[in-house]
């Protein structure tokens, strides 16, 4: 399931503009919407990058853009904008929260904790 036009209209302004070399040489950037759809497919399915379907740009392109956008804080800006939009529409209630925790036993030789 790819992004709808309405979803893309919200996310598109938050993505960096494709870079173009001054001499106009080199391969043009793939459509950011197609790349983001590929990234979201990977995140939704949990599949390895090389299993990305052919309807999306190459897995190398999607992975490279995923890493670049992660390093530059694009995903933080997207999450902040989406949370603000939900809050403005009254769809986000932060008056109560739940925390989930996972527990695992200490490996052999780990620090032993005892009541004080």
PDB file of N, CA and C in Angstrom:
ATOM      1  N   UNK A   1       0.846  -1.168   0.000  1.00  0.00           N
ATOM      2  CA  UNK A   1       0.000   0.000   0.000  1.00  0.00           C
ATOM      3  C   UNK A   1       0.898   1.239   0.000  1.00  0.00           C
ATOM      4  N   UNK A   2       0.847   1.978  -1.065  1.00  0.00           N
ATOM      5  CA  UNK A   2       1.682   3.167  -1.200  1.00  0.00           C
ATOM      6  C   UNK A   2       0.969   4.391  -0.635  1.00  0.00           C
ATOM      7  N   UNK A   3       1.722   5.477  -0.525  1.00  0.00           N
ATOM      8  CA  UNK A   3       1.160   6.719  -0.004  1.00  0.00           C
ATOM      9  C   UNK A   3       0.048   7.241  -0.908  1.00  0.00           C
ATOM     10  N   UNK A   4      -1.012   7.729  -0.294  1.00  0.00           N
ATOM     11  CA  UNK A   4      -2.076   8.375  -1.060  1.00  0.00           C
ATOM     12  C   UNK A   4      -1.616   9.783  -1.435  1.00  0.00           C
ATOM     13  N   UNK A   5      -2.347  10.421  -2.328  1.00  0.00           N
ATOM     14  CA  UNK A   5      -2.011  11.799  -2.707  1.00  0.00           C
ATOM     15  C   UNK A   5      -2.103  12.734  -1.506  1.00  0.00           C
ATOM     16  N   UNK A   6      -3.091  12.511  -0.637  1.00  0.00           N
ATOM     17  CA  UNK A   6      -3.245  13.355   0.554  1.00  0.00           C
ATOM     18  C   UNK A   6      -2.066  13.164   1.506  1.00  0.00           C
ATOM     19  N   UNK A   7      -1.627  11.920   1.694  1.00  0.00           N
ATOM     20  CA  UNK A   7      -0.476  11.659   2.560  1.00  0.00           C
ATOM     21  C   UNK A   7       0.788  12.268   1.963  1.00  0.00           C
ATOM     22  N   UNK A   8       0.954  12.130   0.654  1.00  0.00           N
ATOM     23  CA  UNK A   8       2.130  12.690   0.001  1.00  0.00           C
ATOM     24  C   UNK A   8       2.156  14.208   0.112  1.00  0.00           C
ATOM     25  N   UNK A   9       0.994  14.843   0.038  1.00  0.00           N
ATOM     26  CA  UNK A   9       0.924  16.303   0.148  1.00  0.00           C
ATOM     27  C   UNK A   9       1.436  16.778   1.503  1.00  0.00           C
ATOM     28  N   UNK A  10       1.241  15.976   2.547  1.00  0.00           N
ATOM     29  CA  UNK A  10       1.731  16.330   3.886  1.00  0.00           C
ATOM     30  C   UNK A  10       3.237  16.093   3.985  1.00  0.00           C
ATOM     31  N   UNK A  11       3.724  14.986   3.416  1.00  0.00           N
ATOM     32  CA  UNK A  11       5.123  14.595   3.589  1.00  0.00           C
ATOM     33  C   UNK A  11       6.084  15.271   2.608  1.00  0.00           C
ATOM     34  N   UNK A  12       5.648  15.566   1.410  1.00  0.00           N
ATOM     35  CA  UNK A  12       6.546  16.096   0.372  1.00  0.00           C
ATOM     36  C   UNK A  12       7.322  17.338   0.808  1.00  0.00           C
ATOM     37  N   UNK A  13       6.684  18.325   1.459  1.00  0.00           N
ATOM     38  CA  UNK A  13       7.452  19.516   1.850  1.00  0.00           C
ATOM     39  C   UNK A  13       8.521  19.238   2.915  1.00  0.00           C
ATOM     40  N   UNK A  14       8.441  18.092   3.583  1.00  0.00           N
ATOM     41  CA  UNK A  14       9.387  17.776   4.651  1.00  0.00           C
ATOM     42  C   UNK A  14      10.640  17.078   4.131  1.00  0.00           C
ATOM     43  N   UNK A  15      10.614  16.659   2.875  1.00  0.00           N
ATOM     44  CA  UNK A  15      11.759  15.961   2.292  1.00  0.00           C
ATOM     45  C   UNK A  15      12.682  16.958   1.606  1.00  0.00           C
ATOM     46  N   UNK A  16      13.996  16.714   1.648  1.00  0.00           N
ATOM     47  CA  UNK A  16      14.924  17.624   0.972  1.00  0.00           C
ATOM     48  C   UNK A  16      14.738  17.570  -0.542  1.00  0.00           C
ATOM     49  N   UNK A  17      15.001  18.687  -1.178  1.00  0.00           N
ATOM     50  CA  UNK A  17      14.906  18.760  -2.637  1.00  0.00           C
ATOM     51  C   UNK A  17      16.063  17.975  -3.251  1.00  0.00           C
ATOM     52  N   UNK A  18      15.814  17.301  -4.377  1.00  0.00           N
ATOM     53  CA  UNK A  18      16.898  16.560  -5.037  1.00  0.00           C
ATOM     54  C   UNK A  18      18.038  17.497  -5.430  1.00  0.00           C
ATOM     55  N   UNK A  19      19.256  17.021  -5.235  1.00  0.00           N
ATOM     56  CA  UNK A  19      20.424  17.819  -5.594  1.00  0.00           C
ATOM     57  C   UNK A  19      20.707  17.688  -7.088  1.00  0.00           C
ATOM     58  N   UNK A  20      21.091  18.781  -7.688  1.00  0.00           N
ATOM     59  CA  UNK A  20      21.458  18.791  -9.105  1.00  0.00           C
ATOM     60  C   UNK A  20      22.856  19.384  -9.208  1.00  0.00           C
ATOM     61  N   UNK A  21      23.724  18.689  -9.921  1.00  0.00           N
ATOM     62  CA  UNK A  21      25.081  19.206 -10.103  1.00  0.00           C
ATOM     63  C   UNK A  21      25.058  20.475 -10.931  1.00  0.00           C
ATOM     64  N   UNK A  22      26.000  21.351 -10.680  1.00  0.00           N
ATOM     65  CA  UNK A  22      26.062  22.615 -11.430  1.00  0.00           C
ATOM     66  C   UNK A  22      26.250  22.379 -12.918  1.00  0.00           C
ATOM     67  N   UNK A  23      27.012  21.349 -13.259  1.00  0.00           N
ATOM     68  CA  UNK A  23      27.265  21.078 -14.678  1.00  0.00           C
ATOM     69  C   UNK A  23      26.170  20.203 -15.302  1.00  0.00           C
ATOM     70  N   UNK A  24      25.146  19.896 -14.524  1.00  0.00           N
ATOM     71  CA  UNK A  24      23.985  19.113 -14.989  1.00  0.00           C
ATOM     72  C   UNK A  24      24.359  17.710 -15.449  1.00  0.00           C
ATOM     73  N   UNK A  25      25.516  17.211 -15.043  1.00  0.00           N
ATOM     74  CA  UNK A  25      25.934  15.866 -15.423  1.00  0.00           C
ATOM     75  C   UNK A  25      25.509  14.886 -14.347  1.00  0.00           C
ATOM     76  N   UNK A  26      25.581  13.618 -14.675  1.00  0.00           N
ATOM     77  CA  UNK A  26      25.249  12.584 -13.710  1.00  0.00           C
ATOM     78  C   UNK A  26      23.811  12.108 -13.849  1.00  0.00           C
ATOM     79  N   UNK A  27      23.514  11.090 -13.114  1.00  0.00           N
ATOM     80  CA  UNK A  27      22.186  10.487 -13.164  1.00  0.00           C
ATOM     81  C   UNK A  27      21.205  11.317 -12.345  1.00  0.00           C
ATOM     82  N   UNK A  28      20.024  11.589 -12.884  1.00  0.00           N
ATOM     83  CA  UNK A  28      19.036  12.349 -12.095  1.00  0.00           C
ATOM     84  C   UNK A  28      18.521  11.518 -10.922  1.00  0.00           C
ATOM     85  N   UNK A  29      18.132  12.208  -9.867  1.00  0.00           N
ATOM     86  CA  UNK A  29      17.601  11.524  -8.689  1.00  0.00           C
ATOM     87  C   UNK A  29      16.270  10.884  -9.016  1.00  0.00           C
ATOM     88  N   UNK A  30      16.033   9.747  -8.399  1.00  0.00           N
ATOM     89  CA  UNK A  30      14.733   9.089  -8.544  1.00  0.00           C
ATOM     90  C   UNK A  30      13.673   9.900  -7.815  1.00  0.00           C
ATOM     91  N   UNK A  31      12.429   9.717  -8.217  1.00  0.00           N
ATOM     92  CA  UNK A  31      11.303  10.426  -7.618  1.00  0.00           C
ATOM     93  C   UNK A  31      11.252  10.137  -6.116  1.00  0.00           C
ATOM     94  N   UNK A  32      11.289  11.185  -5.279  1.00  0.00           N
ATOM     95  CA  UNK A  32      11.293  10.964  -3.828  1.00  0.00           C
ATOM     96  C   UNK A  32      10.068  10.194  -3.331  1.00  0.00           C
ATOM     97  N   UNK A  33       8.937  10.367  -3.987  1.00  0.00           N
ATOM     98  CA  UNK A  33       7.735   9.635  -3.568  1.00  0.00           C
ATOM     99  C   UNK A  33       7.920   8.132  -3.778  1.00  0.00           C
ATOM    100  N   UNK A  34       8.487   7.742  -4.922  1.00  0.00           N
ATOM    101  CA  UNK A  34       8.743   6.327  -5.177  1.00  0.00           C
ATOM    102  C   UNK A  34       9.746   5.763  -4.175  1.00  0.00           C
ATOM    103  N   UNK A  35      10.783   6.540  -3.880  1.00  0.00           N
ATOM    104  CA  UNK A  35      11.796   6.096  -2.922  1.00  0.00           C
ATOM    105  C   UNK A  35      11.177   5.933  -1.537  1.00  0.00           C
ATOM    106  N   UNK A  36      10.397   6.917  -1.097  1.00  0.00           N
ATOM    107  CA  UNK A  36       9.762   6.831   0.219  1.00  0.00           C
ATOM    108  C   UNK A  36       8.795   5.653   0.280  1.00  0.00           C
ATOM    109  N   UNK A  37       8.058   5.398  -0.793  1.00  0.00           N
ATOM    110  CA  UNK A  37       7.179   4.230  -0.824  1.00  0.00           C
ATOM    111  C   UNK A  37       7.980   2.936  -0.676  1.00  0.00           C
ATOM    112  N   UNK A  38       9.140   2.865  -1.309  1.00  0.00           N
ATOM    113  CA  UNK A  38      10.003   1.692  -1.160  1.00  0.00           C
ATOM    114  C   UNK A  38      10.504   1.535   0.265  1.00  0.00           C
ATOM    115  N   UNK A  39      10.918   2.635   0.870  1.00  0.00           N
ATOM    116  CA  UNK A  39      11.387   2.604   2.260  1.00  0.00           C
ATOM    117  C   UNK A  39      10.261   2.158   3.184  1.00  0.00           C
ATOM    118  N   UNK A  40       9.075   2.707   2.977  1.00  0.00           N
ATOM    119  CA  UNK A  40       7.939   2.331   3.820  1.00  0.00           C
ATOM    120  C   UNK A  40       7.560   0.866   3.626  1.00  0.00           C
ATOM    121  N   UNK A  41       7.730   0.333   2.416  1.00  0.00           N
ATOM    122  CA  UNK A  41       7.454  -1.085   2.185  1.00  0.00           C
ATOM    123  C   UNK A  41       8.403  -1.942   3.022  1.00  0.00           C
ATOM    124  N   UNK A  42       9.677  -1.577   3.031  1.00  0.00           N
ATOM    125  CA  UNK A  42      10.662  -2.317   3.832  1.00  0.00           C
ATOM    126  C   UNK A  42      10.310  -2.239   5.313  1.00  0.00           C
ATOM    127  N   UNK A  43       9.991  -1.046   5.803  1.00  0.00           N
ATOM    128  CA  UNK A  43       9.670  -0.877   7.222  1.00  0.00           C
ATOM    129  C   UNK A  43       8.389  -1.619   7.597  1.00  0.00           C
ATOM    130  N   UNK A  44       7.425  -1.646   6.700  1.00  0.00           N
ATOM    131  CA  UNK A  44       6.145  -2.300   6.973  1.00  0.00           C
ATOM    132  C   UNK A  44       6.286  -3.824   6.970  1.00  0.00           C
ATOM    133  N   UNK A  45       7.080  -4.367   6.046  1.00  0.00           N
ATOM    134  CA  UNK A  45       7.173  -5.820   5.905  1.00  0.00           C
ATOM    135  C   UNK A  45       8.293  -6.431   6.739  1.00  0.00           C
ATOM    136  N   UNK A  46       9.321  -5.644   7.044  1.00  0.00           N
ATOM    137  CA  UNK A  46      10.468  -6.190   7.759  1.00  0.00           C
ATOM    138  C   UNK A  46      11.371  -7.024   6.862  1.00  0.00           C
ATOM    139  N   UNK A  47      11.160  -6.966   5.560  1.00  0.00           N
ATOM    140  CA  UNK A  47      11.958  -7.740   4.605  1.00  0.00           C
ATOM    141  C   UNK A  47      13.351  -7.133   4.464  1.00  0.00           C
ATOM    142  N   UNK A  48      14.320  -7.936   4.026  1.00  0.00           N
ATOM    143  CA  UNK A  48      15.647  -7.376   3.742  1.00  0.00           C
ATOM    144  C   UNK A  48      15.579  -6.434   2.537  1.00  0.00           C
ATOM    145  N   UNK A  49      16.512  -5.501   2.491  1.00  0.00           N
ATOM    146  CA  UNK A  49      16.508  -4.495   1.429  1.00  0.00           C
ATOM    147  C   UNK A  49      16.524  -5.129   0.045  1.00  0.00           C
ATOM    148  N   UNK A  50      17.290  -6.191  -0.138  1.00  0.00           N
ATOM    149  CA  UNK A  50      17.401  -6.763  -1.487  1.00  0.00           C
ATOM    150  C   UNK A  50      16.122  -7.463  -1.950  1.00  0.00           C
ATOM    151  N   UNK A  51      15.111  -7.596  -1.074  1.00  0.00           N
ATOM    152  CA  UNK A  51      13.821  -8.172  -1.466  1.00  0.00           C
ATOM    153  C   UNK A  51      12.812  -7.110  -1.898  1.00  0.00           C
ATOM    154  N   UNK A  52      13.244  -5.879  -2.020  1.00  0.00           N
ATOM    155  CA  UNK A  52      12.346  -4.796  -2.426  1.00  0.00           C
ATOM    156  C   UNK A  52      11.776  -5.096  -3.818  1.00  0.00           C
ATOM    157  N   UNK A  53      10.448  -5.049  -3.977  1.00  0.00           N
ATOM    158  CA  UNK A  53       9.843  -5.361  -5.286  1.00  0.00           C
ATOM    159  C   UNK A  53      10.310  -4.411  -6.389  1.00  0.00           C
ATOM    160  N   UNK A  54      10.219  -4.884  -7.611  1.00  0.00           N
ATOM    161  CA  UNK A  54      10.687  -4.117  -8.772  1.00  0.00           C
ATOM    162  C   UNK A  54       9.879  -2.856  -9.031  1.00  0.00           C
ATOM    163  N   UNK A  55       8.689  -2.733  -8.471  1.00  0.00           N
ATOM    164  CA  UNK A  55       7.875  -1.531  -8.725  1.00  0.00           C
ATOM    165  C   UNK A  55       8.459  -0.288  -8.046  1.00  0.00           C
ATOM    166  N   UNK A  56       9.429  -0.500  -7.145  1.00  0.00           N
ATOM    167  CA  UNK A  56      10.102   0.604  -6.458  1.00  0.00           C
ATOM    168  C   UNK A  56      11.482   0.808  -7.069  1.00  0.00           C
ATOM    169  N   UNK A  57      12.128   1.949  -6.783  1.00  0.00           N
ATOM    170  CA  UNK A  57      13.518   2.113  -7.231  1.00  0.00           C
ATOM    171  C   UNK A  57      14.392   1.006  -6.640  1.00  0.00           C
ATOM    172  N   UNK A  58      15.607   0.891  -7.117  1.00  0.00           N
ATOM    173  CA  UNK A  58      16.489  -0.182  -6.650  1.00  0.00           C
ATOM    174  C   UNK A  58      16.654  -0.127  -5.134  1.00  0.00           C
ATOM    175  N   UNK A  59      16.924  -1.290  -4.562  1.00  0.00           N
ATOM    176  CA  UNK A  59      17.095  -1.325  -3.109  1.00  0.00           C
ATOM    177  C   UNK A  59      18.292  -0.492  -2.681  1.00  0.00           C
ATOM    178  N   UNK A  60      19.313  -0.396  -3.533  1.00  0.00           N
ATOM    179  CA  UNK A  60      20.471   0.423  -3.184  1.00  0.00           C
ATOM    180  C   UNK A  60      20.074   1.897  -3.079  1.00  0.00           C
ATOM    181  N   UNK A  61      19.266   2.360  -4.022  1.00  0.00           N
ATOM    182  CA  UNK A  61      18.807   3.752  -4.001  1.00  0.00           C
ATOM    183  C   UNK A  61      17.973   4.020  -2.764  1.00  0.00           C
ATOM    184  N   UNK A  62      17.019   3.130  -2.483  1.00  0.00           N
ATOM    185  CA  UNK A  62      16.146   3.320  -1.320  1.00  0.00           C
ATOM    186  C   UNK A  62      16.947   3.272  -0.023  1.00  0.00           C
ATOM    187  N   UNK A  63      17.878   2.339   0.076  1.00  0.00           N
ATOM    188  CA  UNK A  63      18.676   2.228   1.302  1.00  0.00           C
ATOM    189  C   UNK A  63      19.580   3.442   1.476  1.00  0.00           C
ATOM    190  N   UNK A  64      20.201   3.873   0.391  1.00  0.00           N
ATOM    191  CA  UNK A  64      21.086   5.042   0.461  1.00  0.00           C
ATOM    192  C   UNK A  64      20.309   6.282   0.904  1.00  0.00           C
ATOM    193  N   UNK A  65      19.127   6.478   0.323  1.00  0.00           N
ATOM    194  CA  UNK A  65      18.308   7.637   0.693  1.00  0.00           C
ATOM    195  C   UNK A  65      17.794   7.500   2.126  1.00  0.00           C
ATOM    196  N   UNK A  66      17.437   6.283   2.535  1.00  0.00           N
ATOM    197  CA  UNK A  66      17.003   6.046   3.916  1.00  0.00           C
ATOM    198  C   UNK A  66      18.096   6.481   4.890  1.00  0.00           C
ATOM    199  N   UNK A  67      19.328   6.063   4.629  1.00  0.00           N
ATOM    200  CA  UNK A  67      20.452   6.411   5.501  1.00  0.00           C
ATOM    201  C   UNK A  67      20.709   7.919   5.492  1.00  0.00           C
ATOM    202  N   UNK A  68      20.686   8.527   4.323  1.00  0.00           N
ATOM    203  CA  UNK A  68      20.945   9.972   4.228  1.00  0.00           C
ATOM    204  C   UNK A  68      19.865  10.763   4.959  1.00  0.00           C
ATOM    205  N   UNK A  69      18.606  10.389   4.768  1.00  0.00           N
ATOM    206  CA  UNK A  69      17.509  11.092   5.434  1.00  0.00           C
ATOM    207  C   UNK A  69      17.547  10.868   6.937  1.00  0.00           C
ATOM    208  N   UNK A  70      17.972   9.679   7.363  1.00  0.00           N
ATOM    209  CA  UNK A  70      18.080   9.414   8.800  1.00  0.00           C
ATOM    210  C   UNK A  70      19.163  10.298   9.416  1.00  0.00           C
ATOM    211  N   UNK A  71      20.316  10.362   8.759  1.00  0.00           N
ATOM    212  CA  UNK A  71      21.424  11.173   9.278  1.00  0.00           C
ATOM    213  C   UNK A  71      21.084  12.659   9.316  1.00  0.00           C
ATOM    214  N   UNK A  72      20.317  13.131   8.349  1.00  0.00           N
ATOM    215  CA  UNK A  72      20.021  14.564   8.272  1.00  0.00           C
ATOM    216  C   UNK A  72      18.799  14.974   9.093  1.00  0.00           C
ATOM    217  N   UNK A  73      18.160  14.030   9.766  1.00  0.00           N
ATOM    218  CA  UNK A  73      17.040  14.363  10.643  1.00  0.00           C
ATOM    219  C   UNK A  73      15.692  14.480   9.953  1.00  0.00           C
ATOM    220  N   UNK A  74      15.580  13.996   8.732  1.00  0.00           N
ATOM    221  CA  UNK A  74      14.313  14.082   7.997  1.00  0.00           C
ATOM    222  C   UNK A  74      13.206  13.343   8.738  1.00  0.00           C
ATOM    223  N   UNK A  75      13.502  12.153   9.241  1.00  0.00           N
ATOM    224  CA  UNK A  75      12.460  11.365   9.909  1.00  0.00           C
ATOM    225  C   UNK A  75      12.010  12.023  11.207  1.00  0.00           C
ATOM    226  N   UNK A  76      12.919  12.681  11.903  1.00  0.00           N
ATOM    227  CA  UNK A  76      12.526  13.417  13.112  1.00  0.00           C
ATOM    228  C   UNK A  76      11.547  14.531  12.756  1.00  0.00           C
ATOM    229  N   UNK A  77      11.838  15.258  11.681  1.00  0.00           N
ATOM    230  CA  UNK A  77      10.934  16.336  11.250  1.00  0.00           C
ATOM    231  C   UNK A  77       9.578  15.786  10.817  1.00  0.00           C
ATOM    232  N   UNK A  78       9.584  14.645  10.137  1.00  0.00           N
ATOM    233  CA  UNK A  78       8.319  14.032   9.714  1.00  0.00           C
ATOM    234  C   UNK A  78       7.490  13.637  10.927  1.00  0.00           C
ATOM    235  N   UNK A  79       8.111  12.966  11.899  1.00  0.00           N
ATOM    236  CA  UNK A  79       7.366  12.541  13.089  1.00  0.00           C
ATOM    237  C   UNK A  79       6.838  13.734  13.869  1.00  0.00           C
ATOM    238  N   UNK A  80       7.646  14.784  13.994  1.00  0.00           N
ATOM    239  CA  UNK A  80       7.191  15.985  14.703  1.00  0.00           C
ATOM    240  C   UNK A  80       6.015  16.641  13.977  1.00  0.00           C
ATOM    241  N   UNK A  81       6.088  16.717  12.656  1.00  0.00           N
ATOM    242  CA  UNK A  81       5.005  17.337  11.884  1.00  0.00           C
ATOM    243  C   UNK A  81       3.729  16.510  11.964  1.00  0.00           C
ATOM    244  N   UNK A  82       3.858  15.190  11.875  1.00  0.00           N
ATOM    245  CA  UNK A  82       2.670  14.336  11.962  1.00  0.00           C
ATOM    246  C   UNK A  82       2.051  14.391  13.353  1.00  0.00           C
ATOM    247  N   UNK A  83       2.894  14.415  14.393  1.00  0.00           N
ATOM    248  CA  UNK A  83       2.367  14.522  15.761  1.00  0.00           C
ATOM    249  C   UNK A  83       1.669  15.864  15.965  1.00  0.00           C
ATOM    250  N   UNK A  84       2.244  16.936  15.439  1.00  0.00           N
ATOM    251  CA  UNK A  84       1.617  18.257  15.567  1.00  0.00           C
ATOM    252  C   UNK A  84       0.280  18.288  14.834  1.00  0.00           C
ATOM    253  N   UNK A  85       0.230  17.675  13.653  1.00  0.00           N
ATOM    254  CA  UNK A  85      -1.024  17.623  12.895  1.00  0.00           C
ATOM    255  C   UNK A  85      -2.093  16.847  13.668  1.00  0.00           C
ATOM    256  N   UNK A  86      -1.720  15.708  14.239  1.00  0.00           N
ATOM    257  CA  UNK A  86      -2.677  14.930  15.039  1.00  0.00           C
ATOM    258  C   UNK A  86      -3.146  15.721  16.257  1.00  0.00           C
ATOM    259  N   UNK A  87      -2.210  16.398  16.903  1.00  0.00           N
ATOM    260  CA  UNK A  87      -2.556  17.194  18.085  1.00  0.00           C
ATOM    261  C   UNK A  87      -3.513  18.329  17.704  1.00  0.00           C
ATOM    262  N   UNK A  88      -3.233  19.001  16.589  1.00  0.00           N
ATOM    263  CA  UNK A  88      -4.085  20.107  16.139  1.00  0.00           C
ATOM    264  C   UNK A  88      -5.494  19.636  15.786  1.00  0.00           C
ATOM    265  N   UNK A  89      -5.608  18.412  15.298  1.00  0.00           N
ATOM    266  CA  UNK A  89      -6.923  17.887  14.935  1.00  0.00           C
ATOM    267  C   UNK A  89      -7.609  17.183  16.105  1.00  0.00           C
ATOM    268  N   UNK A  90      -6.967  17.207  17.286  1.00  0.00           N
ATOM    269  CA  UNK A  90      -7.557  16.579  18.458  1.00  0.00           C
ATOM    270  C   UNK A  90      -7.507  15.064  18.433  1.00  0.00           C
ATOM    271  N   UNK A  91      -6.587  14.501  17.663  1.00  0.00           N
ATOM    272  CA  UNK A  91      -6.479  13.049  17.532  1.00  0.00           C
ATOM    273  C   UNK A  91      -5.327  12.469  18.347  1.00  0.00           C
ATOM    274  N   UNK A  92      -4.628  13.320  19.090  1.00  0.00           N
ATOM    275  CA  UNK A  92      -3.491  12.863  19.877  1.00  0.00           C
ATOM    276  C   UNK A  92      -3.714  13.256  21.322  1.00  0.00           C
ATOM    277  N   UNK A  93      -3.820  12.264  22.187  1.00  0.00           N
ATOM    278  CA  UNK A  93      -4.056  12.503  23.606  1.00  0.00           C
ATOM    279  C   UNK A  93      -2.838  12.022  24.386  1.00  0.00           C
ATOM    280  N   UNK A  94      -2.073  12.954  24.904  1.00  0.00           N
ATOM    281  CA  UNK A  94      -0.866  12.610  25.653  1.00  0.00           C
ATOM    282  C   UNK A  94      -1.087  12.667  27.158  1.00  0.00           C
ATOM    283  N   UNK A  95      -2.353  12.657  27.585  1.00  0.00           N
ATOM    284  CA  UNK A  95      -2.631  12.733  29.019  1.00  0.00           C
ATOM    285  C   UNK A  95      -2.268  11.441  29.732  1.00  0.00           C
ATOM    286  N   UNK A  96      -2.108  10.363  28.984  1.00  0.00           N
ATOM    287  CA  UNK A  96      -1.734   9.105  29.609  1.00  0.00           C
ATOM    288  C   UNK A  96      -0.851   8.347  28.635  1.00  0.00           C
ATOM    289  N   UNK A  97       0.103   7.620  29.164  1.00  0.00           N
ATOM    290  CA  UNK A  97       1.009   6.863  28.323  1.00  0.00           C
ATOM    291  C   UNK A  97       1.323   5.516  28.939  1.00  0.00           C
ATOM    292  N   UNK A  98       1.738   4.601  28.120  1.00  0.00           N
ATOM    293  CA  UNK A  98       2.066   3.257  28.569  1.00  0.00           C
ATOM    294  C   UNK A  98       3.466   2.919  28.095  1.00  0.00           C
ATOM    295  N   UNK A  99       4.179   2.229  28.936  1.00  0.00           N
ATOM    296  CA  UNK A  99       5.539   1.824  28.605  1.00  0.00           C
ATOM    297  C   UNK A  99       5.584   0.309  28.606  1.00  0.00           C
ATOM    298  N   UNK A 100       6.200  -0.241  27.600  1.00  0.00           N
ATOM    299  CA  UNK A 100       6.358  -1.682  27.509  1.00  0.00           C
ATOM    300  C   UNK A 100       7.833  -1.981  27.752  1.00  0.00           C
ATOM    301  N   UNK A 101       8.092  -3.068  28.443  1.00  0.00           N
ATOM    302  CA  UNK A 101       9.482  -3.418  28.723  1.00  0.00           C
ATOM    303  C   UNK A 101       9.700  -4.887  28.416  1.00  0.00           C
ATOM    304  N   UNK A 102      10.895  -5.196  28.024  1.00  0.00           N
ATOM    305  CA  UNK A 102      11.281  -6.583  27.790  1.00  0.00           C
ATOM    306  C   UNK A 102      12.329  -6.944  28.821  1.00  0.00           C
ATOM    307  N   UNK A 103      12.276  -8.158  29.266  1.00  0.00           N
ATOM    308  CA  UNK A 103      13.223  -8.617  30.268  1.00  0.00           C
ATOM    309  C   UNK A 103      13.995  -9.789  29.698  1.00  0.00           C
ATOM    310  N   UNK A 104      15.251  -9.843  30.012  1.00  0.00           N
ATOM    311  CA  UNK A 104      16.060 -10.987  29.609  1.00  0.00           C
ATOM    312  C   UNK A 104      16.982 -11.336  30.763  1.00  0.00           C
ATOM    313  N   UNK A 105      17.249 -12.614  30.884  1.00  0.00           N
ATOM    314  CA  UNK A 105      18.094 -13.052  31.993  1.00  0.00           C
ATOM    315  C   UNK A 105      19.541 -12.646  31.733  1.00  0.00           C
ATOM    316  N   UNK A 106      20.269 -12.466  32.816  1.00  0.00           N
ATOM    317  CA  UNK A 106      21.681 -12.098  32.705  1.00  0.00           C
ATOM    318  C   UNK A 106      22.466 -13.282  32.169  1.00  0.00           C
ATOM    319  N   UNK A 107      23.419 -13.007  31.340  1.00  0.00           N
ATOM    320  CA  UNK A 107      24.261 -14.076  30.826  1.00  0.00           C
ATOM    321  C   UNK A 107      25.126 -14.608  31.964  1.00  0.00           C
ATOM    322  N   UNK A 108      25.593 -15.808  31.785  1.00  0.00           N
ATOM    323  CA  UNK A 108      26.424 -16.434  32.808  1.00  0.00           C
ATOM    324  C   UNK A 108      27.609 -15.525  33.111  1.00  0.00           C
ATOM    325  N   UNK A 109      27.791 -15.265  34.378  1.00  0.00           N
ATOM    326  CA  UNK A 109      28.874 -14.395  34.786  1.00  0.00           C
ATOM    327  C   UNK A 109      28.468 -12.938  34.844  1.00  0.00           C
ATOM    328  N   UNK A 110      27.188 -12.645  34.593  1.00  0.00           N
ATOM    329  CA  UNK A 110      26.715 -11.274  34.664  1.00  0.00           C
ATOM    330  C   UNK A 110      26.655 -10.797  36.106  1.00  0.00           C
ATOM    331  N   UNK A 111      26.452  -9.517  36.292  1.00  0.00           N
ATOM    332  CA  UNK A 111      26.384  -8.934  37.626  1.00  0.00           C
ATOM    333  C   UNK A 111      25.156  -9.472  38.342  1.00  0.00           C
ATOM    334  N   UNK A 112      25.340  -9.938  39.564  1.00  0.00           N
ATOM    335  CA  UNK A 112      24.227 -10.444  40.370  1.00  0.00           C
ATOM    336  C   UNK A 112      23.697  -9.299  41.219  1.00  0.00           C
ATOM    337  N   UNK A 113      22.410  -9.053  41.132  1.00  0.00           N
ATOM    338  CA  UNK A 113      21.785  -7.993  41.897  1.00  0.00           C
ATOM    339  C   UNK A 113      21.070  -8.598  43.088  1.00  0.00           C
ATOM    340  N   UNK A 114      21.219  -7.974  44.212  1.00  0.00           N
ATOM    341  CA  UNK A 114      20.549  -8.439  45.427  1.00  0.00           C
ATOM    342  C   UNK A 114      19.843  -7.255  46.066  1.00  0.00           C
ATOM    343  N   UNK A 115      18.782  -7.526  46.818  1.00  0.00           N
ATOM    344  CA  UNK A 115      18.109  -6.424  47.509  1.00  0.00           C
ATOM    345  C   UNK A 115      19.085  -5.698  48.431  1.00  0.00           C
ATOM    346  N   UNK A 116      18.955  -4.387  48.562  1.00  0.00           N
ATOM    347  CA  UNK A 116      19.885  -3.625  49.409  1.00  0.00           C
ATOM    348  C   UNK A 116      19.745  -3.975  50.874  1.00  0.00           C
TER     349      UNK A 116
END
